[in-house]
Amino acid sequence: MVGFAAAWLVGGIAAPVAGIGVGAAAWVWLGRLESASVVRAREDAVAALPLTAELLAAAVAAGSPPVVAAEAVGRAVGGRLGSALATAAATARVGFEPSAAWASLAAEPVLRPLARALAGAGAHGVSPVAMLQRVAEDARDAARWDAQARARALGARAAAPLGLCFLPAFVLVGIVPVVAGVGPLLP
């Protein structure tokens, strides 16, 4: 539809080229958009990441193996993050190599540090507690920075509607009376 509109607007001999080009660009652009449910699920995972990392660190520090801790925390957290964590832990429990087991969790860029910490614990046998605590701190810092950036942007976005409301009032109350008062004085 967009391609036909572009062809109609351009007209002439260039119409087919413009229609095909704009149609193809619109097709590619629309194909890259994410649905609202995918965006909401990602935001939920980002919000749950600090608590999940701290719960994992506490469970491992208490003596639980990382795979068992990941299964328990995955069931406790629930949602998309919890199910991804429980699935990856079940894969690791079956005997997959740690990097392959946690790869499904690492597929989401937000959860990649969590997957690295757990994969490193399985591959090298080191405790992931410090790294999990760092993941929680970094996730909280990122959330704070994002909230501050949105708060700063709110002032700029609020200025346009306020300007659109006050400009007509300024014209009607300030400029129109002056022009009406000067009008009879002009020859």
Protein backbone atom coordinates (compact mmCIF):
# COMPACT_ATOMS: atom_id res chain seq x y z
CA MET A 1 0.00 0.00 0.00
CA VAL A 2 2.84 2.37 0.84
CA GLY A 3 4.53 1.53 -2.46
CA PHE A 4 1.38 2.38 -4.40
CA ALA A 5 1.06 5.67 -2.54
CA ALA A 6 4.68 6.55 -3.31
CA ALA A 7 4.20 5.66 -6.97
CA TRP A 8 1.07 7.77 -7.16
CA LEU A 9 2.80 10.75 -5.49
CA VAL A 10 5.88 10.59 -7.70
CA GLY A 11 4.04 9.84 -10.92
CA GLY A 12 5.56 9.67 -14.36
CA ILE A 13 8.30 7.32 -15.43
CA ALA A 14 9.92 7.20 -11.96
CA ALA A 15 6.70 5.94 -10.32
CA PRO A 16 7.44 2.20 -10.56
CA VAL A 17 10.95 2.65 -9.16
CA ALA A 18 9.72 4.82 -6.29
CA GLY A 19 6.85 2.44 -5.54
CA ILE A 20 9.06 -0.64 -5.46
CA GLY A 21 11.78 1.09 -3.45
CA VAL A 22 9.45 2.54 -0.83
CA GLY A 23 7.45 -0.69 -0.64
CA ALA A 24 10.59 -2.76 -0.08
CA ALA A 25 11.89 -0.33 2.54
CA ALA A 26 8.56 -0.43 4.37
CA TRP A 27 8.54 -4.24 4.23
CA VAL A 28 12.02 -4.46 5.75
CA TRP A 29 11.28 -1.83 8.40
CA LEU A 30 8.02 -3.46 9.48
CA GLY A 31 9.71 -6.85 9.61
CA ARG A 32 12.18 -5.56 12.18
CA LEU A 33 9.55 -4.29 14.60
CA GLU A 34 8.97 -6.35 17.73
CA SER A 35 5.58 -7.14 19.13
CA ALA A 36 4.47 -5.58 22.39
CA SER A 37 4.50 -8.94 24.15
CA VAL A 38 8.17 -9.52 23.26
CA VAL A 39 9.13 -6.05 24.48
CA ARG A 40 7.14 -6.53 27.70
CA ALA A 41 8.74 -9.94 28.33
CA ARG A 42 12.21 -8.44 27.87
CA GLU A 43 11.39 -5.59 30.27
CA ASP A 44 10.13 -8.11 32.83
CA ALA A 45 13.35 -10.10 32.50
CA VAL A 46 15.42 -6.94 32.97
CA ALA A 47 13.41 -6.03 36.06
CA ALA A 48 13.79 -9.51 37.57
CA LEU A 49 17.51 -9.89 36.82
CA PRO A 50 18.94 -8.22 39.97
CA LEU A 51 16.78 -10.28 42.33
CA THR A 52 17.49 -13.47 40.37
CA ALA A 53 21.24 -12.92 40.48
CA GLU A 54 21.15 -12.19 44.22
CA LEU A 55 19.04 -15.28 44.91
CA LEU A 56 21.47 -17.41 42.90
CA ALA A 57 24.44 -15.91 44.76
CA ALA A 58 22.78 -16.57 48.13
CA ALA A 59 21.90 -20.15 47.23
CA VAL A 60 25.40 -20.92 45.95
CA ALA A 61 26.99 -19.20 48.96
CA ALA A 62 24.83 -21.39 51.21
CA GLY A 63 26.40 -24.48 49.64
CA SER A 64 24.01 -25.42 46.85
CA PRO A 65 25.55 -26.45 43.53
CA PRO A 66 24.97 -23.83 40.81
CA VAL A 67 22.73 -26.13 38.75
CA VAL A 68 20.47 -26.95 41.69
CA ALA A 69 20.40 -23.30 42.74
CA ALA A 70 19.48 -22.25 39.20
CA GLU A 71 16.60 -24.74 39.09
CA ALA A 72 15.26 -23.60 42.45
CA VAL A 73 15.61 -19.90 41.67
CA GLY A 74 14.06 -20.40 38.22
CA ARG A 75 10.99 -21.97 39.81
CA ALA A 76 10.83 -19.23 42.45
CA VAL A 77 11.24 -16.30 40.06
CA GLY A 78 8.85 -17.59 37.41
CA GLY A 79 8.05 -15.75 34.21
CA ARG A 80 10.20 -15.83 31.12
CA LEU A 81 13.46 -15.44 33.05
CA GLY A 82 12.55 -18.19 35.50
CA SER A 83 11.58 -20.66 32.80
CA ALA A 84 14.73 -19.90 30.78
CA LEU A 85 16.87 -20.37 33.90
CA ALA A 86 15.15 -23.63 34.85
CA THR A 87 15.43 -24.98 31.30
CA ALA A 88 19.13 -24.14 31.09
CA ALA A 89 19.74 -25.71 34.51
CA ALA A 90 17.92 -28.88 33.45
CA THR A 91 20.09 -29.00 30.34
CA ALA A 92 23.23 -28.62 32.45
CA ARG A 93 22.03 -31.32 34.86
CA VAL A 94 21.63 -33.82 32.01
CA GLY A 95 25.33 -33.51 31.27
CA PHE A 96 25.75 -31.00 28.49
CA GLU A 97 28.94 -29.00 28.41
CA PRO A 98 28.44 -25.86 30.58
CA SER A 99 28.79 -23.37 27.74
CA ALA A 100 26.26 -25.31 25.64
CA ALA A 101 23.89 -25.78 28.58
CA TRP A 102 23.71 -22.10 29.42
CA ALA A 103 23.68 -20.99 25.74
CA SER A 104 19.89 -20.72 25.70
CA LEU A 105 20.11 -18.26 28.58
CA ALA A 106 22.96 -16.39 26.88
CA ALA A 107 20.86 -15.91 23.73
CA GLU A 108 19.15 -12.94 25.39
CA PRO A 109 21.72 -10.09 25.60
CA VAL A 110 20.40 -8.90 28.96
CA LEU A 111 20.88 -12.33 30.54
CA ARG A 112 24.30 -13.00 29.02
CA PRO A 113 26.29 -12.01 32.16
CA LEU A 114 24.19 -14.38 34.26
CA ALA A 115 24.83 -17.20 31.79
CA ARG A 116 28.58 -16.45 31.75
CA ALA A 117 28.77 -16.63 35.53
CA LEU A 118 26.97 -19.97 35.65
CA ALA A 119 28.86 -21.43 32.68
CA GLY A 120 32.17 -20.37 34.22
CA ALA A 121 31.24 -22.09 37.46
CA GLY A 122 30.46 -25.32 35.63
CA ALA A 123 33.48 -25.24 33.34
CA HIS A 124 36.16 -24.11 35.79
CA GLY A 125 34.69 -25.21 39.11
CA VAL A 126 34.96 -21.76 40.69
CA SER A 127 32.31 -20.19 42.85
CA PRO A 128 30.11 -17.78 40.87
CA VAL A 129 29.01 -15.84 43.97
CA ALA A 130 31.14 -12.73 43.39
CA MET A 131 30.28 -12.62 39.72
CA LEU A 132 26.55 -13.06 40.41
CA GLN A 133 26.64 -10.25 42.95
CA ARG A 134 28.36 -8.08 40.34
CA VAL A 135 25.66 -8.97 37.80
CA ALA A 136 23.01 -7.85 40.31
CA GLU A 137 24.83 -4.57 40.99
CA ASP A 138 25.30 -3.86 37.27
CA ALA A 139 21.64 -4.61 36.54
CA ARG A 140 20.52 -2.25 39.30
CA ASP A 141 22.88 0.47 38.04
CA ALA A 142 21.60 0.05 34.48
CA ALA A 143 18.00 0.31 35.70
CA ARG A 144 18.83 3.45 37.67
CA TRP A 145 20.59 5.06 34.68
CA ASP A 146 17.66 4.18 32.42
CA ALA A 147 15.18 5.70 34.88
CA GLN A 148 17.26 8.87 35.15
CA ALA A 149 17.49 9.19 31.37
CA ARG A 150 13.72 8.77 31.02
CA ALA A 151 13.16 11.39 33.73
CA ARG A 152 15.44 13.86 31.95
CA ALA A 153 13.71 13.24 28.63
CA LEU A 154 10.31 13.82 30.20
CA GLY A 155 11.01 17.54 30.66
CA ALA A 156 11.83 17.96 26.99
CA ARG A 157 8.76 16.01 25.89
CA ALA A 158 6.51 17.99 28.23
CA ALA A 159 7.67 21.34 26.83
CA ALA A 160 6.04 20.90 23.41
CA PRO A 161 2.46 20.37 24.62
CA LEU A 162 2.82 23.19 27.13
CA GLY A 163 4.09 25.49 24.40
CA LEU A 164 1.19 24.53 22.17
CA CYS A 165 -1.22 25.43 24.97
CA PHE A 166 0.40 28.69 26.06
CA LEU A 167 1.22 30.13 22.62
CA PRO A 168 -2.42 30.68 21.55
CA ALA A 169 -3.22 32.13 24.97
CA PHE A 170 -0.27 34.51 24.69
CA VAL A 171 -1.37 35.61 21.23
CA LEU A 172 -5.00 36.14 22.28
CA VAL A 173 -4.27 37.87 25.59
CA GLY A 174 -1.05 39.73 24.78
CA ILE A 175 -0.80 40.50 21.08
CA VAL A 176 -4.40 40.81 19.87
CA PRO A 177 -5.33 43.61 22.35
CA VAL A 178 -2.19 45.57 21.40
CA VAL A 179 -2.93 45.25 17.69
CA ALA A 180 -6.60 46.11 18.28
CA GLY A 181 -5.61 49.15 20.32
CA VAL A 182 -3.12 50.41 17.74
CA GLY A 183 -5.47 49.70 14.80
CA PRO A 184 -7.69 52.83 15.18
CA LEU A 185 -4.60 55.07 15.49
CA LEU A 186 -3.31 54.11 12.03
CA PRO A 187 -4.35 56.42 9.15
